[in-house]
Every structure is written in structure tokens, then in C-alpha cells.
Amino acid sequence: MAALPHGLALAVMLLAASLVFPPVMFEGKELNQDDIRNNIGMAKETRDVFKQTGEKPHWTNSMFGGMPTIQIAGVDIMTGPRAVWKVVHKSIPKGVDTVFMAMISAYILGL
């Protein structure tokens, strides 16, 4: 019974996140995210170096005259929150998943 209020809260948050982007959630449309598309190009140098050497570089010169690669290529460390994010990301359309995860995070912090 103690899980019922939390499950209800998650359902309400999912509904609210879905209503923020109805074309994405209910019509299968996709948000045009220029920052994501640009990131693919900025991380190309990092991917190329990894393919050639098998090691991920810690620095790239392809963005702003130099930047740590963790800012654009991320890391492959699996943590609890990242595992939850991967499940949510595969289950809910892009955009809606981000709003839903933000709501979950705020809910957990509020608890």
C-alpha cells in the first residue's frame, strides 16, 4: 500500500509530460533538436580517435578551440540513474522522456 501514492504520482507525471508535447507523444512526431544534431558533428573527432586507437581521448580541438570530451562525448559508466534513464528513454518518445525524468527527479528531491 505504501507504493500506491508513488505509483499514482508517477502516472500523473507521465500524463503531464505527455500533455506538454502531444504531437510527439500521440502523433509520433519528433522534436527538431539542433543542439543534438550539432553534438554529433562535434564528437566526430573523439569517435575517430577511438576507432583508430581504441582509447577515448580526454580533449578535443573540434569545439571552441578545445574542450574536455566528457562535455560532448559523455562517458559509458552505468549508474543507477543512468540505467533508469535508458529504460525511460527507450519507453517514451524523445522530449517527453526528458520532461518526465525532470519531474521524477524533482519528486525524489522533494521526498
PDB file of N, CA and C in Angstrom:
ATOM      1  N   MET A   1       0.806  -1.208   0.000  1.00  0.00           N
ATOM      2  CA  MET A   1       0.000   0.000   0.000  1.00  0.00           C
ATOM      3  C   MET A   1       0.847   1.271   0.000  1.00  0.00           C
ATOM      4  N   ALA A   2       2.038   1.204   0.570  1.00  0.00           N
ATOM      5  CA  ALA A   2       2.870   2.403   0.640  1.00  0.00           C
ATOM      6  C   ALA A   2       3.346   2.840  -0.748  1.00  0.00           C
ATOM      7  N   ALA A   3       3.398   1.902  -1.685  1.00  0.00           N
ATOM      8  CA  ALA A   3       3.860   2.242  -3.033  1.00  0.00           C
ATOM      9  C   ALA A   3       2.753   2.885  -3.874  1.00  0.00           C
ATOM     10  N   LEU A   4       1.514   2.747  -3.467  1.00  0.00           N
ATOM     11  CA  LEU A   4       0.391   3.277  -4.246  1.00  0.00           C
ATOM     12  C   LEU A   4       0.482   4.786  -4.490  1.00  0.00           C
ATOM     13  N   PRO A   5       0.754   5.599  -3.472  1.00  0.00           N
ATOM     14  CA  PRO A   5       0.848   7.046  -3.734  1.00  0.00           C
ATOM     15  C   PRO A   5       1.982   7.397  -4.705  1.00  0.00           C
ATOM     16  N   HIS A   6       3.110   6.661  -4.618  1.00  0.00           N
ATOM     17  CA  HIS A   6       4.233   6.940  -5.508  1.00  0.00           C
ATOM     18  C   HIS A   6       3.896   6.518  -6.942  1.00  0.00           C
ATOM     19  N   GLY A   7       3.230   5.382  -7.095  1.00  0.00           N
ATOM     20  CA  GLY A   7       2.806   4.943  -8.420  1.00  0.00           C
ATOM     21  C   GLY A   7       1.816   5.906  -9.044  1.00  0.00           C
ATOM     22  N   LEU A   8       0.896   6.395  -8.222  1.00  0.00           N
ATOM     23  CA  LEU A   8      -0.072   7.382  -8.700  1.00  0.00           C
ATOM     24  C   LEU A   8       0.637   8.673  -9.113  1.00  0.00           C
ATOM     25  N   ALA A   9       1.611   9.083  -8.308  1.00  0.00           N
ATOM     26  CA  ALA A   9       2.379  10.294  -8.638  1.00  0.00           C
ATOM     27  C   ALA A   9       3.115  10.115  -9.959  1.00  0.00           C
ATOM     28  N   LEU A  10       3.713   8.937 -10.185  1.00  0.00           N
ATOM     29  CA  LEU A  10       4.409   8.676 -11.447  1.00  0.00           C
ATOM     30  C   LEU A  10       3.441   8.712 -12.630  1.00  0.00           C
ATOM     31  N   ALA A  11       2.256   8.155 -12.442  1.00  0.00           N
ATOM     32  CA  ALA A  11       1.254   8.166 -13.515  1.00  0.00           C
ATOM     33  C   ALA A  11       0.822   9.591 -13.856  1.00  0.00           C
ATOM     34  N   VAL A  12       0.623  10.409 -12.837  1.00  0.00           N
ATOM     35  CA  VAL A  12       0.235  11.807 -13.067  1.00  0.00           C
ATOM     36  C   VAL A  12       1.363  12.557 -13.771  1.00  0.00           C
ATOM     37  N   MET A  13       2.607  12.295 -13.358  1.00  0.00           N
ATOM     38  CA  MET A  13       3.748  12.958 -14.005  1.00  0.00           C
ATOM     39  C   MET A  13       3.867  12.535 -15.463  1.00  0.00           C
ATOM     40  N   LEU A  14       3.662  11.258 -15.755  1.00  0.00           N
ATOM     41  CA  LEU A  14       3.731  10.798 -17.142  1.00  0.00           C
ATOM     42  C   LEU A  14       2.637  11.444 -17.976  1.00  0.00           C
ATOM     43  N   LEU A  15       1.448  11.542 -17.432  1.00  0.00           N
ATOM     44  CA  LEU A  15       0.351  12.206 -18.139  1.00  0.00           C
ATOM     45  C   LEU A  15       0.682  13.675 -18.393  1.00  0.00           C
ATOM     46  N   ALA A  16       1.192  14.353 -17.369  1.00  0.00           N
ATOM     47  CA  ALA A  16       1.544  15.771 -17.519  1.00  0.00           C
ATOM     48  C   ALA A  16       2.644  15.958 -18.563  1.00  0.00           C
ATOM     49  N   ALA A  17       3.673  15.104 -18.533  1.00  0.00           N
ATOM     50  CA  ALA A  17       4.757  15.195 -19.513  1.00  0.00           C
ATOM     51  C   ALA A  17       4.229  14.931 -20.918  1.00  0.00           C
ATOM     52  N   SER A  18       3.301  14.016 -21.041  1.00  0.00           N
ATOM     53  CA  SER A  18       2.710  13.702 -22.349  1.00  0.00           C
ATOM     54  C   SER A  18       1.906  14.874 -22.892  1.00  0.00           C
ATOM     55  N   LEU A  19       1.234  15.583 -22.010  1.00  0.00           N
ATOM     56  CA  LEU A  19       0.418  16.716 -22.441  1.00  0.00           C
ATOM     57  C   LEU A  19       1.247  17.931 -22.832  1.00  0.00           C
ATOM     58  N   VAL A  20       2.508  17.973 -22.391  1.00  0.00           N
ATOM     59  CA  VAL A  20       3.391  19.075 -22.779  1.00  0.00           C
ATOM     60  C   VAL A  20       3.724  18.982 -24.267  1.00  0.00           C
ATOM     61  N   PHE A  21       3.898  17.765 -24.763  1.00  0.00           N
ATOM     62  CA  PHE A  21       4.258  17.537 -26.163  1.00  0.00           C
ATOM     63  C   PHE A  21       3.281  16.566 -26.821  1.00  0.00           C
ATOM     64  N   PRO A  22       2.006  16.933 -26.978  1.00  0.00           N
ATOM     65  CA  PRO A  22       1.054  15.975 -27.552  1.00  0.00           C
ATOM     66  C   PRO A  22       1.418  15.475 -28.953  1.00  0.00           C
ATOM     67  N   PRO A  23       1.950  16.317 -29.862  1.00  0.00           N
ATOM     68  CA  PRO A  23       2.299  15.768 -31.180  1.00  0.00           C
ATOM     69  C   PRO A  23       3.399  14.709 -31.107  1.00  0.00           C
ATOM     70  N   VAL A  24       4.310  14.877 -30.166  1.00  0.00           N
ATOM     71  CA  VAL A  24       5.394  13.910 -30.014  1.00  0.00           C
ATOM     72  C   VAL A  24       4.856  12.612 -29.425  1.00  0.00           C
ATOM     73  N   MET A  25       4.057  12.725 -28.400  1.00  0.00           N
ATOM     74  CA  MET A  25       3.584  11.548 -27.680  1.00  0.00           C
ATOM     75  C   MET A  25       2.503  10.797 -28.438  1.00  0.00           C
ATOM     76  N   PHE A  26       1.574  11.514 -29.044  1.00  0.00           N
ATOM     77  CA  PHE A  26       0.399  10.852 -29.599  1.00  0.00           C
ATOM     78  C   PHE A  26       0.378  10.760 -31.128  1.00  0.00           C
ATOM     79  N   GLU A  27       1.221  11.547 -31.814  1.00  0.00           N
ATOM     80  CA  GLU A  27       1.219  11.524 -33.276  1.00  0.00           C
ATOM     81  C   GLU A  27       2.521  11.005 -33.862  1.00  0.00           C
ATOM     82  N   GLY A  28       3.483  10.647 -33.007  1.00  0.00           N
ATOM     83  CA  GLY A  28       4.745  10.091 -33.483  1.00  0.00           C
ATOM     84  C   GLY A  28       5.687  11.103 -34.104  1.00  0.00           C
ATOM     85  N   LYS A  29       5.418  12.387 -33.933  1.00  0.00           N
ATOM     86  CA  LYS A  29       6.307  13.411 -34.475  1.00  0.00           C
ATOM     87  C   LYS A  29       7.550  13.501 -33.594  1.00  0.00           C
ATOM     88  N   GLU A  30       8.576  14.173 -34.098  1.00  0.00           N
ATOM     89  CA  GLU A  30       9.830  14.279 -33.365  1.00  0.00           C
ATOM     90  C   GLU A  30      10.254  15.740 -33.259  1.00  0.00           C
ATOM     91  N   LEU A  31      10.825  16.106 -32.117  1.00  0.00           N
ATOM     92  CA  LEU A  31      11.326  17.463 -31.939  1.00  0.00           C
ATOM     93  C   LEU A  31      12.596  17.650 -32.749  1.00  0.00           C
ATOM     94  N   ASN A  32      12.726  18.797 -33.396  1.00  0.00           N
ATOM     95  CA  ASN A  32      13.940  19.135 -34.113  1.00  0.00           C
ATOM     96  C   ASN A  32      14.907  19.752 -33.107  1.00  0.00           C
ATOM     97  N   GLN A  33      15.935  19.021 -32.748  1.00  0.00           N
ATOM     98  CA  GLN A  33      16.868  19.479 -31.720  1.00  0.00           C
ATOM     99  C   GLN A  33      18.224  19.762 -32.352  1.00  0.00           C
ATOM    100  N   ASP A  34      18.463  21.028 -32.667  1.00  0.00           N
ATOM    101  CA  ASP A  34      19.719  21.407 -33.309  1.00  0.00           C
ATOM    102  C   ASP A  34      20.927  21.104 -32.442  1.00  0.00           C
ATOM    103  N   ASP A  35      20.803  21.254 -31.123  1.00  0.00           N
ATOM    104  CA  ASP A  35      21.942  21.005 -30.253  1.00  0.00           C
ATOM    105  C   ASP A  35      22.373  19.542 -30.305  1.00  0.00           C
ATOM    106  N   ILE A  36      21.429  18.623 -30.437  1.00  0.00           N
ATOM    107  CA  ILE A  36      21.763  17.205 -30.539  1.00  0.00           C
ATOM    108  C   ILE A  36      22.443  16.930 -31.874  1.00  0.00           C
ATOM    109  N   ARG A  37      21.898  17.489 -32.938  1.00  0.00           N
ATOM    110  CA  ARG A  37      22.484  17.290 -34.259  1.00  0.00           C
ATOM    111  C   ARG A  37      23.896  17.884 -34.321  1.00  0.00           C
ATOM    112  N   ASN A  38      24.097  19.060 -33.742  1.00  0.00           N
ATOM    113  CA  ASN A  38      25.417  19.680 -33.728  1.00  0.00           C
ATOM    114  C   ASN A  38      26.399  18.866 -32.895  1.00  0.00           C
ATOM    115  N   ASN A  39      25.922  18.262 -31.818  1.00  0.00           N
ATOM    116  CA  ASN A  39      26.793  17.460 -30.959  1.00  0.00           C
ATOM    117  C   ASN A  39      27.382  16.283 -31.720  1.00  0.00           C
ATOM    118  N   ILE A  40      26.611  15.704 -32.611  1.00  0.00           N
ATOM    119  CA  ILE A  40      27.100  14.561 -33.383  1.00  0.00           C
ATOM    120  C   ILE A  40      28.341  14.960 -34.170  1.00  0.00           C
ATOM    121  N   GLY A  41      28.323  16.147 -34.767  1.00  0.00           N
ATOM    122  CA  GLY A  41      29.483  16.632 -35.502  1.00  0.00           C
ATOM    123  C   GLY A  41      30.647  16.984 -34.594  1.00  0.00           C
ATOM    124  N   MET A  42      30.350  17.577 -33.459  1.00  0.00           N
ATOM    125  CA  MET A  42      31.419  17.980 -32.537  1.00  0.00           C
ATOM    126  C   MET A  42      32.124  16.770 -31.930  1.00  0.00           C
ATOM    127  N   ALA A  43      31.416  15.667 -31.761  1.00  0.00           N
ATOM    128  CA  ALA A  43      32.009  14.475 -31.149  1.00  0.00           C
ATOM    129  C   ALA A  43      32.686  13.564 -32.176  1.00  0.00           C
ATOM    130  N   LYS A  44      32.650  13.943 -33.458  1.00  0.00           N
ATOM    131  CA  LYS A  44      33.234  13.099 -34.504  1.00  0.00           C
ATOM    132  C   LYS A  44      34.719  12.850 -34.282  1.00  0.00           C
ATOM    133  N   GLU A  45      35.462  13.880 -33.920  1.00  0.00           N
ATOM    134  CA  GLU A  45      36.898  13.721 -33.695  1.00  0.00           C
ATOM    135  C   GLU A  45      37.152  12.678 -32.594  1.00  0.00           C
ATOM    136  N   THR A  46      36.357  12.736 -31.548  1.00  0.00           N
ATOM    137  CA  THR A  46      36.509  11.794 -30.448  1.00  0.00           C
ATOM    138  C   THR A  46      36.227  10.364 -30.916  1.00  0.00           C
ATOM    139  N   ARG A  47      35.168  10.187 -31.702  1.00  0.00           N
ATOM    140  CA  ARG A  47      34.842   8.850 -32.219  1.00  0.00           C
ATOM    141  C   ARG A  47      35.934   8.343 -33.157  1.00  0.00           C
ATOM    142  N   ASP A  48      36.479   9.233 -33.995  1.00  0.00           N
ATOM    143  CA  ASP A  48      37.543   8.837 -34.927  1.00  0.00           C
ATOM    144  C   ASP A  48      38.789   8.376 -34.186  1.00  0.00           C
ATOM    145  N   VAL A  49      39.181   9.120 -33.164  1.00  0.00           N
ATOM    146  CA  VAL A  49      40.362   8.745 -32.376  1.00  0.00           C
ATOM    147  C   VAL A  49      40.120   7.410 -31.685  1.00  0.00           C
ATOM    148  N   PHE A  50      38.921   7.192 -31.169  1.00  0.00           N
ATOM    149  CA  PHE A  50      38.601   5.933 -30.502  1.00  0.00           C
ATOM    150  C   PHE A  50      38.683   4.763 -31.484  1.00  0.00           C
ATOM    151  N   LYS A  51      38.180   4.965 -32.712  1.00  0.00           N
ATOM    152  CA  LYS A  51      38.251   3.901 -33.717  1.00  0.00           C
ATOM    153  C   LYS A  51      39.695   3.561 -34.071  1.00  0.00           C
ATOM    154  N   GLN A  52      40.562   4.587 -34.132  1.00  0.00           N
ATOM    155  CA  GLN A  52      41.952   4.368 -34.522  1.00  0.00           C
ATOM    156  C   GLN A  52      42.789   3.765 -33.408  1.00  0.00           C
ATOM    157  N   THR A  53      42.572   4.232 -32.178  1.00  0.00           N
ATOM    158  CA  THR A  53      43.457   3.826 -31.082  1.00  0.00           C
ATOM    159  C   THR A  53      42.805   2.888 -30.074  1.00  0.00           C
ATOM    160  N   GLY A  54      41.483   2.854 -30.035  1.00  0.00           N
ATOM    161  CA  GLY A  54      40.796   2.037 -29.034  1.00  0.00           C
ATOM    162  C   GLY A  54      40.689   2.733 -27.686  1.00  0.00           C
ATOM    163  N   GLU A  55      41.187   3.949 -27.591  1.00  0.00           N
ATOM    164  CA  GLU A  55      41.125   4.723 -26.346  1.00  0.00           C
ATOM    165  C   GLU A  55      40.322   5.997 -26.583  1.00  0.00           C
ATOM    166  N   LYS A  56      39.577   6.390 -25.572  1.00  0.00           N
ATOM    167  CA  LYS A  56      38.807   7.628 -25.683  1.00  0.00           C
ATOM    168  C   LYS A  56      39.687   8.798 -25.258  1.00  0.00           C
ATOM    169  N   PRO A  57      39.817   9.796 -26.135  1.00  0.00           N
ATOM    170  CA  PRO A  57      40.617  10.966 -25.763  1.00  0.00           C
ATOM    171  C   PRO A  57      39.892  11.796 -24.710  1.00  0.00           C
ATOM    172  N   HIS A  58      40.664  12.522 -23.939  1.00  0.00           N
ATOM    173  CA  HIS A  58      40.091  13.360 -22.887  1.00  0.00           C
ATOM    174  C   HIS A  58      39.962  14.817 -23.312  1.00  0.00           C
ATOM    175  N   TRP A  59      40.411  15.131 -24.531  1.00  0.00           N
ATOM    176  CA  TRP A  59      40.386  16.505 -25.004  1.00  0.00           C
ATOM    177  C   TRP A  59      40.107  16.507 -26.497  1.00  0.00           C
ATOM    178  N   THR A  60      39.358  17.492 -26.978  1.00  0.00           N
ATOM    179  CA  THR A  60      39.109  17.636 -28.404  1.00  0.00           C
ATOM    180  C   THR A  60      39.349  19.088 -28.809  1.00  0.00           C
ATOM    181  N   ASN A  61      39.835  19.266 -30.007  1.00  0.00           N
ATOM    182  CA  ASN A  61      40.044  20.612 -30.544  1.00  0.00           C
ATOM    183  C   ASN A  61      38.932  21.010 -31.507  1.00  0.00           C
ATOM    184  N   SER A  62      37.899  20.187 -31.632  1.00  0.00           N
ATOM    185  CA  SER A  62      36.856  20.451 -32.624  1.00  0.00           C
ATOM    186  C   SER A  62      35.766  21.391 -32.123  1.00  0.00           C
ATOM    187  N   MET A  63      35.895  21.880 -30.910  1.00  0.00           N
ATOM    188  CA  MET A  63      34.831  22.716 -30.360  1.00  0.00           C
ATOM    189  C   MET A  63      35.436  23.834 -29.513  1.00  0.00           C
ATOM    190  N   PHE A  64      35.093  25.052 -29.812  1.00  0.00           N
ATOM    191  CA  PHE A  64      35.527  26.222 -29.036  1.00  0.00           C
ATOM    192  C   PHE A  64      37.038  26.279 -28.842  1.00  0.00           C
ATOM    193  N   GLY A  65      37.806  25.786 -29.789  1.00  0.00           N
ATOM    194  CA  GLY A  65      39.258  25.831 -29.672  1.00  0.00           C
ATOM    195  C   GLY A  65      39.799  24.869 -28.628  1.00  0.00           C
ATOM    196  N   GLY A  66      38.999  23.929 -28.187  1.00  0.00           N
ATOM    197  CA  GLY A  66      39.442  22.921 -27.234  1.00  0.00           C
ATOM    198  C   GLY A  66      38.443  22.745 -26.106  1.00  0.00           C
ATOM    199  N   MET A  67      38.196  21.496 -25.752  1.00  0.00           N
ATOM    200  CA  MET A  67      37.217  21.214 -24.709  1.00  0.00           C
ATOM    201  C   MET A  67      37.400  19.783 -24.214  1.00  0.00           C
ATOM    202  N   PRO A  68      37.150  19.547 -22.922  1.00  0.00           N
ATOM    203  CA  PRO A  68      37.183  18.160 -22.440  1.00  0.00           C
ATOM    204  C   PRO A  68      36.102  17.341 -23.153  1.00  0.00           C
ATOM    205  N   THR A  69      36.443  16.132 -23.554  1.00  0.00           N
ATOM    206  CA  THR A  69      35.496  15.330 -24.320  1.00  0.00           C
ATOM    207  C   THR A  69      34.304  14.875 -23.499  1.00  0.00           C
ATOM    208  N   ILE A  70      34.412  14.860 -22.203  1.00  0.00           N
ATOM    209  CA  ILE A  70      33.271  14.439 -21.393  1.00  0.00           C
ATOM    210  C   ILE A  70      32.088  15.379 -21.590  1.00  0.00           C
ATOM    211  N   GLN A  71      32.364  16.605 -22.019  1.00  0.00           N
ATOM    212  CA  GLN A  71      31.304  17.577 -22.256  1.00  0.00           C
ATOM    213  C   GLN A  71      30.498  17.268 -23.510  1.00  0.00           C
ATOM    214  N   ILE A  72      31.098  16.571 -24.477  1.00  0.00           N
ATOM    215  CA  ILE A  72      30.389  16.323 -25.732  1.00  0.00           C
ATOM    216  C   ILE A  72      30.214  14.846 -26.046  1.00  0.00           C
ATOM    217  N   ALA A  73      31.094  13.989 -25.554  1.00  0.00           N
ATOM    218  CA  ALA A  73      31.008  12.567 -25.894  1.00  0.00           C
ATOM    219  C   ALA A  73      30.475  11.739 -24.735  1.00  0.00           C
ATOM    220  N   GLY A  74      30.425  12.296 -23.549  1.00  0.00           N
ATOM    221  CA  GLY A  74      29.894  11.578 -22.398  1.00  0.00           C
ATOM    222  C   GLY A  74      30.791  10.446 -21.950  1.00  0.00           C
ATOM    223  N   VAL A  75      30.288   9.677 -21.041  1.00  0.00           N
ATOM    224  CA  VAL A  75      31.022   8.532 -20.519  1.00  0.00           C
ATOM    225  C   VAL A  75      30.126   7.304 -20.591  1.00  0.00           C
ATOM    226  N   ASP A  76      30.722   6.158 -20.515  1.00  0.00           N
ATOM    227  CA  ASP A  76      29.964   4.911 -20.597  1.00  0.00           C
ATOM    228  C   ASP A  76      29.824   4.241 -19.237  1.00  0.00           C
ATOM    229  N   ILE A  77      29.866   4.997 -18.176  1.00  0.00           N
ATOM    230  CA  ILE A  77      29.736   4.440 -16.836  1.00  0.00           C
ATOM    231  C   ILE A  77      28.254   4.220 -16.557  1.00  0.00           C
ATOM    232  N   MET A  78      27.892   3.005 -16.164  1.00  0.00           N
ATOM    233  CA  MET A  78      26.493   2.706 -15.870  1.00  0.00           C
ATOM    234  C   MET A  78      26.246   2.908 -14.379  1.00  0.00           C
ATOM    235  N   THR A  79      25.358   3.832 -14.082  1.00  0.00           N
ATOM    236  CA  THR A  79      24.966   4.094 -12.703  1.00  0.00           C
ATOM    237  C   THR A  79      23.471   3.814 -12.582  1.00  0.00           C
ATOM    238  N   GLY A  80      22.960   3.815 -11.375  1.00  0.00           N
ATOM    239  CA  GLY A  80      21.531   3.601 -11.168  1.00  0.00           C
ATOM    240  C   GLY A  80      20.677   4.601 -11.926  1.00  0.00           C
ATOM    241  N   PRO A  81      20.945   5.919 -11.759  1.00  0.00           N
ATOM    242  CA  PRO A  81      20.147   6.901 -12.501  1.00  0.00           C
ATOM    243  C   PRO A  81      20.271   6.749 -14.019  1.00  0.00           C
ATOM    244  N   ARG A  82      21.449   6.399 -14.490  1.00  0.00           N
ATOM    245  CA  ARG A  82      21.618   6.239 -15.939  1.00  0.00           C
ATOM    246  C   ARG A  82      20.841   5.019 -16.445  1.00  0.00           C
ATOM    247  N   ALA A  83      20.801   3.960 -15.637  1.00  0.00           N
ATOM    248  CA  ALA A  83      20.029   2.773 -16.017  1.00  0.00           C
ATOM    249  C   ALA A  83      18.541   3.115 -16.110  1.00  0.00           C
ATOM    250  N   VAL A  84      18.046   3.904 -15.158  1.00  0.00           N
ATOM    251  CA  VAL A  84      16.644   4.332 -15.192  1.00  0.00           C
ATOM    252  C   VAL A  84      16.411   5.186 -16.429  1.00  0.00           C
ATOM    253  N   TRP A  85      17.339   6.108 -16.708  1.00  0.00           N
ATOM    254  CA  TRP A  85      17.211   6.983 -17.874  1.00  0.00           C
ATOM    255  C   TRP A  85      17.124   6.153 -19.158  1.00  0.00           C
ATOM    256  N   LYS A  86      17.967   5.124 -19.283  1.00  0.00           N
ATOM    257  CA  LYS A  86      17.955   4.307 -20.501  1.00  0.00           C
ATOM    258  C   LYS A  86      16.604   3.613 -20.687  1.00  0.00           C
ATOM    259  N   VAL A  87      16.019   3.115 -19.598  1.00  0.00           N
ATOM    260  CA  VAL A  87      14.709   2.453 -19.685  1.00  0.00           C
ATOM    261  C   VAL A  87      13.639   3.467 -20.094  1.00  0.00           C
ATOM    262  N   VAL A  88      13.644   4.630 -19.446  1.00  0.00           N
ATOM    263  CA  VAL A  88      12.649   5.657 -19.764  1.00  0.00           C
ATOM    264  C   VAL A  88      12.836   6.146 -21.199  1.00  0.00           C
ATOM    265  N   HIS A  89      14.084   6.342 -21.600  1.00  0.00           N
ATOM    266  CA  HIS A  89      14.387   6.849 -22.942  1.00  0.00           C
ATOM    267  C   HIS A  89      13.898   5.890 -24.031  1.00  0.00           C
ATOM    268  N   LYS A  90      13.964   4.583 -23.767  1.00  0.00           N
ATOM    269  CA  LYS A  90      13.511   3.599 -24.755  1.00  0.00           C
ATOM    270  C   LYS A  90      11.992   3.429 -24.736  1.00  0.00           C
ATOM    271  N   SER A  91      11.354   3.825 -23.641  1.00  0.00           N
ATOM    272  CA  SER A  91       9.919   3.597 -23.483  1.00  0.00           C
ATOM    273  C   SER A  91       9.059   4.781 -23.904  1.00  0.00           C
ATOM    274  N   ILE A  92       9.630   5.981 -23.845  1.00  0.00           N
ATOM    275  CA  ILE A  92       8.859   7.206 -24.058  1.00  0.00           C
ATOM    276  C   ILE A  92       9.545   8.025 -25.152  1.00  0.00           C
ATOM    277  N   PRO A  93       8.789   8.679 -26.018  1.00  0.00           N
ATOM    278  CA  PRO A  93       9.406   9.478 -27.086  1.00  0.00           C
ATOM    279  C   PRO A  93      10.342  10.569 -26.550  1.00  0.00           C
ATOM    280  N   LYS A  94      11.314  10.887 -27.403  1.00  0.00           N
ATOM    281  CA  LYS A  94      12.306  11.908 -27.068  1.00  0.00           C
ATOM    282  C   LYS A  94      11.624  13.246 -26.808  1.00  0.00           C
ATOM    283  N   GLY A  95      12.033  13.930 -25.788  1.00  0.00           N
ATOM    284  CA  GLY A  95      11.426  15.204 -25.391  1.00  0.00           C
ATOM    285  C   GLY A  95      10.508  14.971 -24.212  1.00  0.00           C
ATOM    286  N   VAL A  96       9.562  14.065 -24.390  1.00  0.00           N
ATOM    287  CA  VAL A  96       8.663  13.709 -23.297  1.00  0.00           C
ATOM    288  C   VAL A  96       9.471  13.014 -22.202  1.00  0.00           C
ATOM    289  N   ASP A  97      10.438  12.175 -22.603  1.00  0.00           N
ATOM    290  CA  ASP A  97      11.254  11.463 -21.624  1.00  0.00           C
ATOM    291  C   ASP A  97      12.060  12.422 -20.752  1.00  0.00           C
ATOM    292  N   THR A  98      12.556  13.485 -21.343  1.00  0.00           N
ATOM    293  CA  THR A  98      13.348  14.451 -20.581  1.00  0.00           C
ATOM    294  C   THR A  98      12.488  15.172 -19.545  1.00  0.00           C
ATOM    295  N   VAL A  99      11.304  15.602 -19.948  1.00  0.00           N
ATOM    296  CA  VAL A  99      10.399  16.283 -19.015  1.00  0.00           C
ATOM    297  C   VAL A  99       9.973  15.324 -17.904  1.00  0.00           C
ATOM    298  N   PHE A 100       9.669  14.080 -18.270  1.00  0.00           N
ATOM    299  CA  PHE A 100       9.262  13.076 -17.282  1.00  0.00           C
ATOM    300  C   PHE A 100      10.383  12.813 -16.276  1.00  0.00           C
ATOM    301  N   MET A 101      11.616  12.666 -16.760  1.00  0.00           N
ATOM    302  CA  MET A 101      12.746  12.433 -15.845  1.00  0.00           C
ATOM    303  C   MET A 101      12.994  13.647 -14.953  1.00  0.00           C
ATOM    304  N   ALA A 102      12.784  14.845 -15.475  1.00  0.00           N
ATOM    305  CA  ALA A 102      12.931  16.038 -14.639  1.00  0.00           C
ATOM    306  C   ALA A 102      11.891  16.038 -13.533  1.00  0.00           C
ATOM    307  N   MET A 103      10.674  15.631 -13.868  1.00  0.00           N
ATOM    308  CA  MET A 103       9.614  15.555 -12.854  1.00  0.00           C
ATOM    309  C   MET A 103       9.926  14.493 -11.792  1.00  0.00           C
ATOM    310  N   ILE A 104      10.396  13.337 -12.248  1.00  0.00           N
ATOM    311  CA  ILE A 104      10.770  12.286 -11.298  1.00  0.00           C
ATOM    312  C   ILE A 104      11.878  12.775 -10.379  1.00  0.00           C
ATOM    313  N   SER A 105      12.870  13.435 -10.948  1.00  0.00           N
ATOM    314  CA  SER A 105      13.988  13.951 -10.141  1.00  0.00           C
ATOM    315  C   SER A 105      13.521  14.941  -9.107  1.00  0.00           C
ATOM    316  N   ALA A 106      12.647  15.860  -9.510  1.00  0.00           N
ATOM    317  CA  ALA A 106      12.102  16.843  -8.559  1.00  0.00           C
ATOM    318  C   ALA A 106      11.277  16.145  -7.476  1.00  0.00           C
ATOM    319  N   TYR A 107      10.536  15.114  -7.868  1.00  0.00           N
ATOM    320  CA  TYR A 107       9.722  14.363  -6.904  1.00  0.00           C
ATOM    321  C   TYR A 107      10.603  13.674  -5.863  1.00  0.00           C
ATOM    322  N   ILE A 108      11.667  13.034  -6.338  1.00  0.00           N
ATOM    323  CA  ILE A 108      12.590  12.345  -5.420  1.00  0.00           C
ATOM    324  C   ILE A 108      13.261  13.349  -4.491  1.00  0.00           C
ATOM    325  N   LEU A 109      13.678  14.481  -5.037  1.00  0.00           N
ATOM    326  CA  LEU A 109      14.302  15.517  -4.197  1.00  0.00           C
ATOM    327  C   LEU A 109      13.303  16.048  -3.168  1.00  0.00           C
ATOM    328  N   GLY A 110      12.046  16.161  -3.580  1.00  0.00           N
ATOM    329  CA  GLY A 110      11.013  16.632  -2.656  1.00  0.00           C
ATOM    330  C   GLY A 110      10.728  15.651  -1.526  1.00  0.00           C
ATOM    331  N   LEU A 111      10.916  14.364  -1.808  1.00  0.00           N
ATOM    332  CA  LEU A 111      10.696  13.365  -0.755  1.00  0.00           C
ATOM    333  C   LEU A 111      11.753  13.486   0.315  1.00  0.00           C
TER     334      LEU A 111
END
